[in-house]
Amino acid sequence: FEKAKHTEGLRLWMDSVGLTEDLNP
């Protein structure tokens, strides 16, 4: 659950600062 929560937090941060492009590369 905590790993999923970490993913949520990091994704929320990216959304908030506009990092919405594909970062996989």
PDBML (XML) file of the C-alpha atoms, coordinates in Angstrom:
<?xml version="1.0" encoding="UTF-8" ?>
<PDBx:datablock datablockName="MODEL"
   xmlns:PDBx="http://pdbml.pdb.org/schema/pdbx-v50.xsd"
   xmlns:xsi="http://www.w3.org/2001/XMLSchema-instance"
   xsi:schemaLocation="http://pdbml.pdb.org/schema/pdbx-v50.xsd pdbx-v50.xsd">
   <PDBx:atom_siteCategory>
      <PDBx:atom_site id="1">
         <PDBx:B_iso_or_equiv>0.00</PDBx:B_iso_or_equiv>
         <PDBx:Cartn_x>0.000</PDBx:Cartn_x>
         <PDBx:Cartn_y>0.000</PDBx:Cartn_y>
         <PDBx:Cartn_z>0.000</PDBx:Cartn_z>
         <PDBx:auth_asym_id>A</PDBx:auth_asym_id>
         <PDBx:auth_atom_id>CA</PDBx:auth_atom_id>
         <PDBx:auth_comp_id>PHE</PDBx:auth_comp_id>
         <PDBx:auth_seq_id>1</PDBx:auth_seq_id>
         <PDBx:group_PDB>ATOM</PDBx:group_PDB>
         <PDBx:label_alt_id xsi:nil="true" />
         <PDBx:label_asym_id>A</PDBx:label_asym_id>
         <PDBx:label_atom_id>CA</PDBx:label_atom_id>
         <PDBx:label_comp_id>PHE</PDBx:label_comp_id>
         <PDBx:label_entity_id>1</PDBx:label_entity_id>
         <PDBx:label_seq_id>1</PDBx:label_seq_id>
         <PDBx:occupancy>1.00</PDBx:occupancy>
         <PDBx:pdbx_PDB_model_num>1</PDBx:pdbx_PDB_model_num>
         <PDBx:type_symbol>C</PDBx:type_symbol>
      </PDBx:atom_site>
      <PDBx:atom_site id="2">
         <PDBx:B_iso_or_equiv>0.00</PDBx:B_iso_or_equiv>
         <PDBx:Cartn_x>2.805</PDBx:Cartn_x>
         <PDBx:Cartn_y>2.409</PDBx:Cartn_y>
         <PDBx:Cartn_z>0.844</PDBx:Cartn_z>
         <PDBx:auth_asym_id>A</PDBx:auth_asym_id>
         <PDBx:auth_atom_id>CA</PDBx:auth_atom_id>
         <PDBx:auth_comp_id>GLU</PDBx:auth_comp_id>
         <PDBx:auth_seq_id>2</PDBx:auth_seq_id>
         <PDBx:group_PDB>ATOM</PDBx:group_PDB>
         <PDBx:label_alt_id xsi:nil="true" />
         <PDBx:label_asym_id>A</PDBx:label_asym_id>
         <PDBx:label_atom_id>CA</PDBx:label_atom_id>
         <PDBx:label_comp_id>GLU</PDBx:label_comp_id>
         <PDBx:label_entity_id>1</PDBx:label_entity_id>
         <PDBx:label_seq_id>2</PDBx:label_seq_id>
         <PDBx:occupancy>1.00</PDBx:occupancy>
         <PDBx:pdbx_PDB_model_num>1</PDBx:pdbx_PDB_model_num>
         <PDBx:type_symbol>C</PDBx:type_symbol>
      </PDBx:atom_site>
      <PDBx:atom_site id="3">
         <PDBx:B_iso_or_equiv>0.00</PDBx:B_iso_or_equiv>
         <PDBx:Cartn_x>4.468</PDBx:Cartn_x>
         <PDBx:Cartn_y>1.760</PDBx:Cartn_y>
         <PDBx:Cartn_z>-2.515</PDBx:Cartn_z>
         <PDBx:auth_asym_id>A</PDBx:auth_asym_id>
         <PDBx:auth_atom_id>CA</PDBx:auth_atom_id>
         <PDBx:auth_comp_id>LYS</PDBx:auth_comp_id>
         <PDBx:auth_seq_id>3</PDBx:auth_seq_id>
         <PDBx:group_PDB>ATOM</PDBx:group_PDB>
         <PDBx:label_alt_id xsi:nil="true" />
         <PDBx:label_asym_id>A</PDBx:label_asym_id>
         <PDBx:label_atom_id>CA</PDBx:label_atom_id>
         <PDBx:label_comp_id>LYS</PDBx:label_comp_id>
         <PDBx:label_entity_id>1</PDBx:label_entity_id>
         <PDBx:label_seq_id>3</PDBx:label_seq_id>
         <PDBx:occupancy>1.00</PDBx:occupancy>
         <PDBx:pdbx_PDB_model_num>1</PDBx:pdbx_PDB_model_num>
         <PDBx:type_symbol>C</PDBx:type_symbol>
      </PDBx:atom_site>
      <PDBx:atom_site id="4">
         <PDBx:B_iso_or_equiv>0.00</PDBx:B_iso_or_equiv>
         <PDBx:Cartn_x>1.193</PDBx:Cartn_x>
         <PDBx:Cartn_y>2.600</PDBx:Cartn_y>
         <PDBx:Cartn_z>-4.236</PDBx:Cartn_z>
         <PDBx:auth_asym_id>A</PDBx:auth_asym_id>
         <PDBx:auth_atom_id>CA</PDBx:auth_atom_id>
         <PDBx:auth_comp_id>ALA</PDBx:auth_comp_id>
         <PDBx:auth_seq_id>4</PDBx:auth_seq_id>
         <PDBx:group_PDB>ATOM</PDBx:group_PDB>
         <PDBx:label_alt_id xsi:nil="true" />
         <PDBx:label_asym_id>A</PDBx:label_asym_id>
         <PDBx:label_atom_id>CA</PDBx:label_atom_id>
         <PDBx:label_comp_id>ALA</PDBx:label_comp_id>
         <PDBx:label_entity_id>1</PDBx:label_entity_id>
         <PDBx:label_seq_id>4</PDBx:label_seq_id>
         <PDBx:occupancy>1.00</PDBx:occupancy>
         <PDBx:pdbx_PDB_model_num>1</PDBx:pdbx_PDB_model_num>
         <PDBx:type_symbol>C</PDBx:type_symbol>
      </PDBx:atom_site>
      <PDBx:atom_site id="5">
         <PDBx:B_iso_or_equiv>0.00</PDBx:B_iso_or_equiv>
         <PDBx:Cartn_x>0.898</PDBx:Cartn_x>
         <PDBx:Cartn_y>5.710</PDBx:Cartn_y>
         <PDBx:Cartn_z>-2.069</PDBx:Cartn_z>
         <PDBx:auth_asym_id>A</PDBx:auth_asym_id>
         <PDBx:auth_atom_id>CA</PDBx:auth_atom_id>
         <PDBx:auth_comp_id>LYS</PDBx:auth_comp_id>
         <PDBx:auth_seq_id>5</PDBx:auth_seq_id>
         <PDBx:group_PDB>ATOM</PDBx:group_PDB>
         <PDBx:label_alt_id xsi:nil="true" />
         <PDBx:label_asym_id>A</PDBx:label_asym_id>
         <PDBx:label_atom_id>CA</PDBx:label_atom_id>
         <PDBx:label_comp_id>LYS</PDBx:label_comp_id>
         <PDBx:label_entity_id>1</PDBx:label_entity_id>
         <PDBx:label_seq_id>5</PDBx:label_seq_id>
         <PDBx:occupancy>1.00</PDBx:occupancy>
         <PDBx:pdbx_PDB_model_num>1</PDBx:pdbx_PDB_model_num>
         <PDBx:type_symbol>C</PDBx:type_symbol>
      </PDBx:atom_site>
      <PDBx:atom_site id="6">
         <PDBx:B_iso_or_equiv>0.00</PDBx:B_iso_or_equiv>
         <PDBx:Cartn_x>4.419</PDBx:Cartn_x>
         <PDBx:Cartn_y>6.792</PDBx:Cartn_y>
         <PDBx:Cartn_z>-3.048</PDBx:Cartn_z>
         <PDBx:auth_asym_id>A</PDBx:auth_asym_id>
         <PDBx:auth_atom_id>CA</PDBx:auth_atom_id>
         <PDBx:auth_comp_id>HIS</PDBx:auth_comp_id>
         <PDBx:auth_seq_id>6</PDBx:auth_seq_id>
         <PDBx:group_PDB>ATOM</PDBx:group_PDB>
         <PDBx:label_alt_id xsi:nil="true" />
         <PDBx:label_asym_id>A</PDBx:label_asym_id>
         <PDBx:label_atom_id>CA</PDBx:label_atom_id>
         <PDBx:label_comp_id>HIS</PDBx:label_comp_id>
         <PDBx:label_entity_id>1</PDBx:label_entity_id>
         <PDBx:label_seq_id>6</PDBx:label_seq_id>
         <PDBx:occupancy>1.00</PDBx:occupancy>
         <PDBx:pdbx_PDB_model_num>1</PDBx:pdbx_PDB_model_num>
         <PDBx:type_symbol>C</PDBx:type_symbol>
      </PDBx:atom_site>
      <PDBx:atom_site id="7">
         <PDBx:B_iso_or_equiv>0.00</PDBx:B_iso_or_equiv>
         <PDBx:Cartn_x>3.473</PDBx:Cartn_x>
         <PDBx:Cartn_y>6.406</PDBx:Cartn_y>
         <PDBx:Cartn_z>-6.701</PDBx:Cartn_z>
         <PDBx:auth_asym_id>A</PDBx:auth_asym_id>
         <PDBx:auth_atom_id>CA</PDBx:auth_atom_id>
         <PDBx:auth_comp_id>THR</PDBx:auth_comp_id>
         <PDBx:auth_seq_id>7</PDBx:auth_seq_id>
         <PDBx:group_PDB>ATOM</PDBx:group_PDB>
         <PDBx:label_alt_id xsi:nil="true" />
         <PDBx:label_asym_id>A</PDBx:label_asym_id>
         <PDBx:label_atom_id>CA</PDBx:label_atom_id>
         <PDBx:label_comp_id>THR</PDBx:label_comp_id>
         <PDBx:label_entity_id>1</PDBx:label_entity_id>
         <PDBx:label_seq_id>7</PDBx:label_seq_id>
         <PDBx:occupancy>1.00</PDBx:occupancy>
         <PDBx:pdbx_PDB_model_num>1</PDBx:pdbx_PDB_model_num>
         <PDBx:type_symbol>C</PDBx:type_symbol>
      </PDBx:atom_site>
      <PDBx:atom_site id="8">
         <PDBx:B_iso_or_equiv>0.00</PDBx:B_iso_or_equiv>
         <PDBx:Cartn_x>0.373</PDBx:Cartn_x>
         <PDBx:Cartn_y>8.516</PDBx:Cartn_y>
         <PDBx:Cartn_z>-6.076</PDBx:Cartn_z>
         <PDBx:auth_asym_id>A</PDBx:auth_asym_id>
         <PDBx:auth_atom_id>CA</PDBx:auth_atom_id>
         <PDBx:auth_comp_id>GLU</PDBx:auth_comp_id>
         <PDBx:auth_seq_id>8</PDBx:auth_seq_id>
         <PDBx:group_PDB>ATOM</PDBx:group_PDB>
         <PDBx:label_alt_id xsi:nil="true" />
         <PDBx:label_asym_id>A</PDBx:label_asym_id>
         <PDBx:label_atom_id>CA</PDBx:label_atom_id>
         <PDBx:label_comp_id>GLU</PDBx:label_comp_id>
         <PDBx:label_entity_id>1</PDBx:label_entity_id>
         <PDBx:label_seq_id>8</PDBx:label_seq_id>
         <PDBx:occupancy>1.00</PDBx:occupancy>
         <PDBx:pdbx_PDB_model_num>1</PDBx:pdbx_PDB_model_num>
         <PDBx:type_symbol>C</PDBx:type_symbol>
      </PDBx:atom_site>
      <PDBx:atom_site id="9">
         <PDBx:B_iso_or_equiv>0.00</PDBx:B_iso_or_equiv>
         <PDBx:Cartn_x>2.362</PDBx:Cartn_x>
         <PDBx:Cartn_y>11.265</PDBx:Cartn_y>
         <PDBx:Cartn_z>-4.368</PDBx:Cartn_z>
         <PDBx:auth_asym_id>A</PDBx:auth_asym_id>
         <PDBx:auth_atom_id>CA</PDBx:auth_atom_id>
         <PDBx:auth_comp_id>GLY</PDBx:auth_comp_id>
         <PDBx:auth_seq_id>9</PDBx:auth_seq_id>
         <PDBx:group_PDB>ATOM</PDBx:group_PDB>
         <PDBx:label_alt_id xsi:nil="true" />
         <PDBx:label_asym_id>A</PDBx:label_asym_id>
         <PDBx:label_atom_id>CA</PDBx:label_atom_id>
         <PDBx:label_comp_id>GLY</PDBx:label_comp_id>
         <PDBx:label_entity_id>1</PDBx:label_entity_id>
         <PDBx:label_seq_id>9</PDBx:label_seq_id>
         <PDBx:occupancy>1.00</PDBx:occupancy>
         <PDBx:pdbx_PDB_model_num>1</PDBx:pdbx_PDB_model_num>
         <PDBx:type_symbol>C</PDBx:type_symbol>
      </PDBx:atom_site>
      <PDBx:atom_site id="10">
         <PDBx:B_iso_or_equiv>0.00</PDBx:B_iso_or_equiv>
         <PDBx:Cartn_x>5.028</PDBx:Cartn_x>
         <PDBx:Cartn_y>11.430</PDBx:Cartn_y>
         <PDBx:Cartn_z>-7.077</PDBx:Cartn_z>
         <PDBx:auth_asym_id>A</PDBx:auth_asym_id>
         <PDBx:auth_atom_id>CA</PDBx:auth_atom_id>
         <PDBx:auth_comp_id>LEU</PDBx:auth_comp_id>
         <PDBx:auth_seq_id>10</PDBx:auth_seq_id>
         <PDBx:group_PDB>ATOM</PDBx:group_PDB>
         <PDBx:label_alt_id xsi:nil="true" />
         <PDBx:label_asym_id>A</PDBx:label_asym_id>
         <PDBx:label_atom_id>CA</PDBx:label_atom_id>
         <PDBx:label_comp_id>LEU</PDBx:label_comp_id>
         <PDBx:label_entity_id>1</PDBx:label_entity_id>
         <PDBx:label_seq_id>10</PDBx:label_seq_id>
         <PDBx:occupancy>1.00</PDBx:occupancy>
         <PDBx:pdbx_PDB_model_num>1</PDBx:pdbx_PDB_model_num>
         <PDBx:type_symbol>C</PDBx:type_symbol>
      </PDBx:atom_site>
      <PDBx:atom_site id="11">
         <PDBx:B_iso_or_equiv>0.00</PDBx:B_iso_or_equiv>
         <PDBx:Cartn_x>2.407</PDBx:Cartn_x>
         <PDBx:Cartn_y>11.462</PDBx:Cartn_y>
         <PDBx:Cartn_z>-9.840</PDBx:Cartn_z>
         <PDBx:auth_asym_id>A</PDBx:auth_asym_id>
         <PDBx:auth_atom_id>CA</PDBx:auth_atom_id>
         <PDBx:auth_comp_id>ARG</PDBx:auth_comp_id>
         <PDBx:auth_seq_id>11</PDBx:auth_seq_id>
         <PDBx:group_PDB>ATOM</PDBx:group_PDB>
         <PDBx:label_alt_id xsi:nil="true" />
         <PDBx:label_asym_id>A</PDBx:label_asym_id>
         <PDBx:label_atom_id>CA</PDBx:label_atom_id>
         <PDBx:label_comp_id>ARG</PDBx:label_comp_id>
         <PDBx:label_entity_id>1</PDBx:label_entity_id>
         <PDBx:label_seq_id>11</PDBx:label_seq_id>
         <PDBx:occupancy>1.00</PDBx:occupancy>
         <PDBx:pdbx_PDB_model_num>1</PDBx:pdbx_PDB_model_num>
         <PDBx:type_symbol>C</PDBx:type_symbol>
      </PDBx:atom_site>
      <PDBx:atom_site id="12">
         <PDBx:B_iso_or_equiv>0.00</PDBx:B_iso_or_equiv>
         <PDBx:Cartn_x>0.449</PDBx:Cartn_x>
         <PDBx:Cartn_y>14.218</PDBx:Cartn_y>
         <PDBx:Cartn_z>-8.071</PDBx:Cartn_z>
         <PDBx:auth_asym_id>A</PDBx:auth_asym_id>
         <PDBx:auth_atom_id>CA</PDBx:auth_atom_id>
         <PDBx:auth_comp_id>LEU</PDBx:auth_comp_id>
         <PDBx:auth_seq_id>12</PDBx:auth_seq_id>
         <PDBx:group_PDB>ATOM</PDBx:group_PDB>
         <PDBx:label_alt_id xsi:nil="true" />
         <PDBx:label_asym_id>A</PDBx:label_asym_id>
         <PDBx:label_atom_id>CA</PDBx:label_atom_id>
         <PDBx:label_comp_id>LEU</PDBx:label_comp_id>
         <PDBx:label_entity_id>1</PDBx:label_entity_id>
         <PDBx:label_seq_id>12</PDBx:label_seq_id>
         <PDBx:occupancy>1.00</PDBx:occupancy>
         <PDBx:pdbx_PDB_model_num>1</PDBx:pdbx_PDB_model_num>
         <PDBx:type_symbol>C</PDBx:type_symbol>
      </PDBx:atom_site>
      <PDBx:atom_site id="13">
         <PDBx:B_iso_or_equiv>0.00</PDBx:B_iso_or_equiv>
         <PDBx:Cartn_x>3.637</PDBx:Cartn_x>
         <PDBx:Cartn_y>16.260</PDBx:Cartn_y>
         <PDBx:Cartn_z>-7.869</PDBx:Cartn_z>
         <PDBx:auth_asym_id>A</PDBx:auth_asym_id>
         <PDBx:auth_atom_id>CA</PDBx:auth_atom_id>
         <PDBx:auth_comp_id>TRP</PDBx:auth_comp_id>
         <PDBx:auth_seq_id>13</PDBx:auth_seq_id>
         <PDBx:group_PDB>ATOM</PDBx:group_PDB>
         <PDBx:label_alt_id xsi:nil="true" />
         <PDBx:label_asym_id>A</PDBx:label_asym_id>
         <PDBx:label_atom_id>CA</PDBx:label_atom_id>
         <PDBx:label_comp_id>TRP</PDBx:label_comp_id>
         <PDBx:label_entity_id>1</PDBx:label_entity_id>
         <PDBx:label_seq_id>13</PDBx:label_seq_id>
         <PDBx:occupancy>1.00</PDBx:occupancy>
         <PDBx:pdbx_PDB_model_num>1</PDBx:pdbx_PDB_model_num>
         <PDBx:type_symbol>C</PDBx:type_symbol>
      </PDBx:atom_site>
      <PDBx:atom_site id="14">
         <PDBx:B_iso_or_equiv>0.00</PDBx:B_iso_or_equiv>
         <PDBx:Cartn_x>4.313</PDBx:Cartn_x>
         <PDBx:Cartn_y>15.807</PDBx:Cartn_y>
         <PDBx:Cartn_z>-11.592</PDBx:Cartn_z>
         <PDBx:auth_asym_id>A</PDBx:auth_asym_id>
         <PDBx:auth_atom_id>CA</PDBx:auth_atom_id>
         <PDBx:auth_comp_id>MET</PDBx:auth_comp_id>
         <PDBx:auth_seq_id>14</PDBx:auth_seq_id>
         <PDBx:group_PDB>ATOM</PDBx:group_PDB>
         <PDBx:label_alt_id xsi:nil="true" />
         <PDBx:label_asym_id>A</PDBx:label_asym_id>
         <PDBx:label_atom_id>CA</PDBx:label_atom_id>
         <PDBx:label_comp_id>MET</PDBx:label_comp_id>
         <PDBx:label_entity_id>1</PDBx:label_entity_id>
         <PDBx:label_seq_id>14</PDBx:label_seq_id>
         <PDBx:occupancy>1.00</PDBx:occupancy>
         <PDBx:pdbx_PDB_model_num>1</PDBx:pdbx_PDB_model_num>
         <PDBx:type_symbol>C</PDBx:type_symbol>
      </PDBx:atom_site>
      <PDBx:atom_site id="15">
         <PDBx:B_iso_or_equiv>0.00</PDBx:B_iso_or_equiv>
         <PDBx:Cartn_x>0.743</PDBx:Cartn_x>
         <PDBx:Cartn_y>16.806</PDBx:Cartn_y>
         <PDBx:Cartn_z>-12.437</PDBx:Cartn_z>
         <PDBx:auth_asym_id>A</PDBx:auth_asym_id>
         <PDBx:auth_atom_id>CA</PDBx:auth_atom_id>
         <PDBx:auth_comp_id>ASP</PDBx:auth_comp_id>
         <PDBx:auth_seq_id>15</PDBx:auth_seq_id>
         <PDBx:group_PDB>ATOM</PDBx:group_PDB>
         <PDBx:label_alt_id xsi:nil="true" />
         <PDBx:label_asym_id>A</PDBx:label_asym_id>
         <PDBx:label_atom_id>CA</PDBx:label_atom_id>
         <PDBx:label_comp_id>ASP</PDBx:label_comp_id>
         <PDBx:label_entity_id>1</PDBx:label_entity_id>
         <PDBx:label_seq_id>15</PDBx:label_seq_id>
         <PDBx:occupancy>1.00</PDBx:occupancy>
         <PDBx:pdbx_PDB_model_num>1</PDBx:pdbx_PDB_model_num>
         <PDBx:type_symbol>C</PDBx:type_symbol>
      </PDBx:atom_site>
      <PDBx:atom_site id="16">
         <PDBx:B_iso_or_equiv>0.00</PDBx:B_iso_or_equiv>
         <PDBx:Cartn_x>0.959</PDBx:Cartn_x>
         <PDBx:Cartn_y>19.904</PDBx:Cartn_y>
         <PDBx:Cartn_z>-10.253</PDBx:Cartn_z>
         <PDBx:auth_asym_id>A</PDBx:auth_asym_id>
         <PDBx:auth_atom_id>CA</PDBx:auth_atom_id>
         <PDBx:auth_comp_id>SER</PDBx:auth_comp_id>
         <PDBx:auth_seq_id>16</PDBx:auth_seq_id>
         <PDBx:group_PDB>ATOM</PDBx:group_PDB>
         <PDBx:label_alt_id xsi:nil="true" />
         <PDBx:label_asym_id>A</PDBx:label_asym_id>
         <PDBx:label_atom_id>CA</PDBx:label_atom_id>
         <PDBx:label_comp_id>SER</PDBx:label_comp_id>
         <PDBx:label_entity_id>1</PDBx:label_entity_id>
         <PDBx:label_seq_id>16</PDBx:label_seq_id>
         <PDBx:occupancy>1.00</PDBx:occupancy>
         <PDBx:pdbx_PDB_model_num>1</PDBx:pdbx_PDB_model_num>
         <PDBx:type_symbol>C</PDBx:type_symbol>
      </PDBx:atom_site>
      <PDBx:atom_site id="17">
         <PDBx:B_iso_or_equiv>0.00</PDBx:B_iso_or_equiv>
         <PDBx:Cartn_x>4.119</PDBx:Cartn_x>
         <PDBx:Cartn_y>21.215</PDBx:Cartn_y>
         <PDBx:Cartn_z>-11.947</PDBx:Cartn_z>
         <PDBx:auth_asym_id>A</PDBx:auth_asym_id>
         <PDBx:auth_atom_id>CA</PDBx:auth_atom_id>
         <PDBx:auth_comp_id>VAL</PDBx:auth_comp_id>
         <PDBx:auth_seq_id>17</PDBx:auth_seq_id>
         <PDBx:group_PDB>ATOM</PDBx:group_PDB>
         <PDBx:label_alt_id xsi:nil="true" />
         <PDBx:label_asym_id>A</PDBx:label_asym_id>
         <PDBx:label_atom_id>CA</PDBx:label_atom_id>
         <PDBx:label_comp_id>VAL</PDBx:label_comp_id>
         <PDBx:label_entity_id>1</PDBx:label_entity_id>
         <PDBx:label_seq_id>17</PDBx:label_seq_id>
         <PDBx:occupancy>1.00</PDBx:occupancy>
         <PDBx:pdbx_PDB_model_num>1</PDBx:pdbx_PDB_model_num>
         <PDBx:type_symbol>C</PDBx:type_symbol>
      </PDBx:atom_site>
      <PDBx:atom_site id="18">
         <PDBx:B_iso_or_equiv>0.00</PDBx:B_iso_or_equiv>
         <PDBx:Cartn_x>3.036</PDBx:Cartn_x>
         <PDBx:Cartn_y>20.363</PDBx:Cartn_y>
         <PDBx:Cartn_z>-15.488</PDBx:Cartn_z>
         <PDBx:auth_asym_id>A</PDBx:auth_asym_id>
         <PDBx:auth_atom_id>CA</PDBx:auth_atom_id>
         <PDBx:auth_comp_id>GLY</PDBx:auth_comp_id>
         <PDBx:auth_seq_id>18</PDBx:auth_seq_id>
         <PDBx:group_PDB>ATOM</PDBx:group_PDB>
         <PDBx:label_alt_id xsi:nil="true" />
         <PDBx:label_asym_id>A</PDBx:label_asym_id>
         <PDBx:label_atom_id>CA</PDBx:label_atom_id>
         <PDBx:label_comp_id>GLY</PDBx:label_comp_id>
         <PDBx:label_entity_id>1</PDBx:label_entity_id>
         <PDBx:label_seq_id>18</PDBx:label_seq_id>
         <PDBx:occupancy>1.00</PDBx:occupancy>
         <PDBx:pdbx_PDB_model_num>1</PDBx:pdbx_PDB_model_num>
         <PDBx:type_symbol>C</PDBx:type_symbol>
      </PDBx:atom_site>
      <PDBx:atom_site id="19">
         <PDBx:B_iso_or_equiv>0.00</PDBx:B_iso_or_equiv>
         <PDBx:Cartn_x>5.228</PDBx:Cartn_x>
         <PDBx:Cartn_y>17.298</PDBx:Cartn_y>
         <PDBx:Cartn_z>-16.156</PDBx:Cartn_z>
         <PDBx:auth_asym_id>A</PDBx:auth_asym_id>
         <PDBx:auth_atom_id>CA</PDBx:auth_atom_id>
         <PDBx:auth_comp_id>LEU</PDBx:auth_comp_id>
         <PDBx:auth_seq_id>19</PDBx:auth_seq_id>
         <PDBx:group_PDB>ATOM</PDBx:group_PDB>
         <PDBx:label_alt_id xsi:nil="true" />
         <PDBx:label_asym_id>A</PDBx:label_asym_id>
         <PDBx:label_atom_id>CA</PDBx:label_atom_id>
         <PDBx:label_comp_id>LEU</PDBx:label_comp_id>
         <PDBx:label_entity_id>1</PDBx:label_entity_id>
         <PDBx:label_seq_id>19</PDBx:label_seq_id>
         <PDBx:occupancy>1.00</PDBx:occupancy>
         <PDBx:pdbx_PDB_model_num>1</PDBx:pdbx_PDB_model_num>
         <PDBx:type_symbol>C</PDBx:type_symbol>
      </PDBx:atom_site>
      <PDBx:atom_site id="20">
         <PDBx:B_iso_or_equiv>0.00</PDBx:B_iso_or_equiv>
         <PDBx:Cartn_x>2.617</PDBx:Cartn_x>
         <PDBx:Cartn_y>15.533</PDBx:Cartn_y>
         <PDBx:Cartn_z>-18.256</PDBx:Cartn_z>
         <PDBx:auth_asym_id>A</PDBx:auth_asym_id>
         <PDBx:auth_atom_id>CA</PDBx:auth_atom_id>
         <PDBx:auth_comp_id>THR</PDBx:auth_comp_id>
         <PDBx:auth_seq_id>20</PDBx:auth_seq_id>
         <PDBx:group_PDB>ATOM</PDBx:group_PDB>
         <PDBx:label_alt_id xsi:nil="true" />
         <PDBx:label_asym_id>A</PDBx:label_asym_id>
         <PDBx:label_atom_id>CA</PDBx:label_atom_id>
         <PDBx:label_comp_id>THR</PDBx:label_comp_id>
         <PDBx:label_entity_id>1</PDBx:label_entity_id>
         <PDBx:label_seq_id>20</PDBx:label_seq_id>
         <PDBx:occupancy>1.00</PDBx:occupancy>
         <PDBx:pdbx_PDB_model_num>1</PDBx:pdbx_PDB_model_num>
         <PDBx:type_symbol>C</PDBx:type_symbol>
      </PDBx:atom_site>
      <PDBx:atom_site id="21">
         <PDBx:B_iso_or_equiv>0.00</PDBx:B_iso_or_equiv>
         <PDBx:Cartn_x>4.754</PDBx:Cartn_x>
         <PDBx:Cartn_y>14.422</PDBx:Cartn_y>
         <PDBx:Cartn_z>-21.210</PDBx:Cartn_z>
         <PDBx:auth_asym_id>A</PDBx:auth_asym_id>
         <PDBx:auth_atom_id>CA</PDBx:auth_atom_id>
         <PDBx:auth_comp_id>GLU</PDBx:auth_comp_id>
         <PDBx:auth_seq_id>21</PDBx:auth_seq_id>
         <PDBx:group_PDB>ATOM</PDBx:group_PDB>
         <PDBx:label_alt_id xsi:nil="true" />
         <PDBx:label_asym_id>A</PDBx:label_asym_id>
         <PDBx:label_atom_id>CA</PDBx:label_atom_id>
         <PDBx:label_comp_id>GLU</PDBx:label_comp_id>
         <PDBx:label_entity_id>1</PDBx:label_entity_id>
         <PDBx:label_seq_id>21</PDBx:label_seq_id>
         <PDBx:occupancy>1.00</PDBx:occupancy>
         <PDBx:pdbx_PDB_model_num>1</PDBx:pdbx_PDB_model_num>
         <PDBx:type_symbol>C</PDBx:type_symbol>
      </PDBx:atom_site>
      <PDBx:atom_site id="22">
         <PDBx:B_iso_or_equiv>0.00</PDBx:B_iso_or_equiv>
         <PDBx:Cartn_x>5.894</PDBx:Cartn_x>
         <PDBx:Cartn_y>10.810</PDBx:Cartn_y>
         <PDBx:Cartn_z>-21.604</PDBx:Cartn_z>
         <PDBx:auth_asym_id>A</PDBx:auth_asym_id>
         <PDBx:auth_atom_id>CA</PDBx:auth_atom_id>
         <PDBx:auth_comp_id>ASP</PDBx:auth_comp_id>
         <PDBx:auth_seq_id>22</PDBx:auth_seq_id>
         <PDBx:group_PDB>ATOM</PDBx:group_PDB>
         <PDBx:label_alt_id xsi:nil="true" />
         <PDBx:label_asym_id>A</PDBx:label_asym_id>
         <PDBx:label_atom_id>CA</PDBx:label_atom_id>
         <PDBx:label_comp_id>ASP</PDBx:label_comp_id>
         <PDBx:label_entity_id>1</PDBx:label_entity_id>
         <PDBx:label_seq_id>22</PDBx:label_seq_id>
         <PDBx:occupancy>1.00</PDBx:occupancy>
         <PDBx:pdbx_PDB_model_num>1</PDBx:pdbx_PDB_model_num>
         <PDBx:type_symbol>C</PDBx:type_symbol>
      </PDBx:atom_site>
      <PDBx:atom_site id="23">
         <PDBx:B_iso_or_equiv>0.00</PDBx:B_iso_or_equiv>
         <PDBx:Cartn_x>8.869</PDBx:Cartn_x>
         <PDBx:Cartn_y>10.422</PDBx:Cartn_y>
         <PDBx:Cartn_z>-19.262</PDBx:Cartn_z>
         <PDBx:auth_asym_id>A</PDBx:auth_asym_id>
         <PDBx:auth_atom_id>CA</PDBx:auth_atom_id>
         <PDBx:auth_comp_id>LEU</PDBx:auth_comp_id>
         <PDBx:auth_seq_id>23</PDBx:auth_seq_id>
         <PDBx:group_PDB>ATOM</PDBx:group_PDB>
         <PDBx:label_alt_id xsi:nil="true" />
         <PDBx:label_asym_id>A</PDBx:label_asym_id>
         <PDBx:label_atom_id>CA</PDBx:label_atom_id>
         <PDBx:label_comp_id>LEU</PDBx:label_comp_id>
         <PDBx:label_entity_id>1</PDBx:label_entity_id>
         <PDBx:label_seq_id>23</PDBx:label_seq_id>
         <PDBx:occupancy>1.00</PDBx:occupancy>
         <PDBx:pdbx_PDB_model_num>1</PDBx:pdbx_PDB_model_num>
         <PDBx:type_symbol>C</PDBx:type_symbol>
      </PDBx:atom_site>
      <PDBx:atom_site id="24">
         <PDBx:B_iso_or_equiv>0.00</PDBx:B_iso_or_equiv>
         <PDBx:Cartn_x>9.476</PDBx:Cartn_x>
         <PDBx:Cartn_y>6.727</PDBx:Cartn_y>
         <PDBx:Cartn_z>-19.913</PDBx:Cartn_z>
         <PDBx:auth_asym_id>A</PDBx:auth_asym_id>
         <PDBx:auth_atom_id>CA</PDBx:auth_atom_id>
         <PDBx:auth_comp_id>ASN</PDBx:auth_comp_id>
         <PDBx:auth_seq_id>24</PDBx:auth_seq_id>
         <PDBx:group_PDB>ATOM</PDBx:group_PDB>
         <PDBx:label_alt_id xsi:nil="true" />
         <PDBx:label_asym_id>A</PDBx:label_asym_id>
         <PDBx:label_atom_id>CA</PDBx:label_atom_id>
         <PDBx:label_comp_id>ASN</PDBx:label_comp_id>
         <PDBx:label_entity_id>1</PDBx:label_entity_id>
         <PDBx:label_seq_id>24</PDBx:label_seq_id>
         <PDBx:occupancy>1.00</PDBx:occupancy>
         <PDBx:pdbx_PDB_model_num>1</PDBx:pdbx_PDB_model_num>
         <PDBx:type_symbol>C</PDBx:type_symbol>
      </PDBx:atom_site>
      <PDBx:atom_site id="25">
         <PDBx:B_iso_or_equiv>0.00</PDBx:B_iso_or_equiv>
         <PDBx:Cartn_x>12.564</PDBx:Cartn_x>
         <PDBx:Cartn_y>7.376</PDBx:Cartn_y>
         <PDBx:Cartn_z>-22.084</PDBx:Cartn_z>
         <PDBx:auth_asym_id>A</PDBx:auth_asym_id>
         <PDBx:auth_atom_id>CA</PDBx:auth_atom_id>
         <PDBx:auth_comp_id>PRO</PDBx:auth_comp_id>
         <PDBx:auth_seq_id>25</PDBx:auth_seq_id>
         <PDBx:group_PDB>ATOM</PDBx:group_PDB>
         <PDBx:label_alt_id xsi:nil="true" />
         <PDBx:label_asym_id>A</PDBx:label_asym_id>
         <PDBx:label_atom_id>CA</PDBx:label_atom_id>
         <PDBx:label_comp_id>PRO</PDBx:label_comp_id>
         <PDBx:label_entity_id>1</PDBx:label_entity_id>
         <PDBx:label_seq_id>25</PDBx:label_seq_id>
         <PDBx:occupancy>1.00</PDBx:occupancy>
         <PDBx:pdbx_PDB_model_num>1</PDBx:pdbx_PDB_model_num>
         <PDBx:type_symbol>C</PDBx:type_symbol>
      </PDBx:atom_site>
   </PDBx:atom_siteCategory>
</PDBx:datablock>
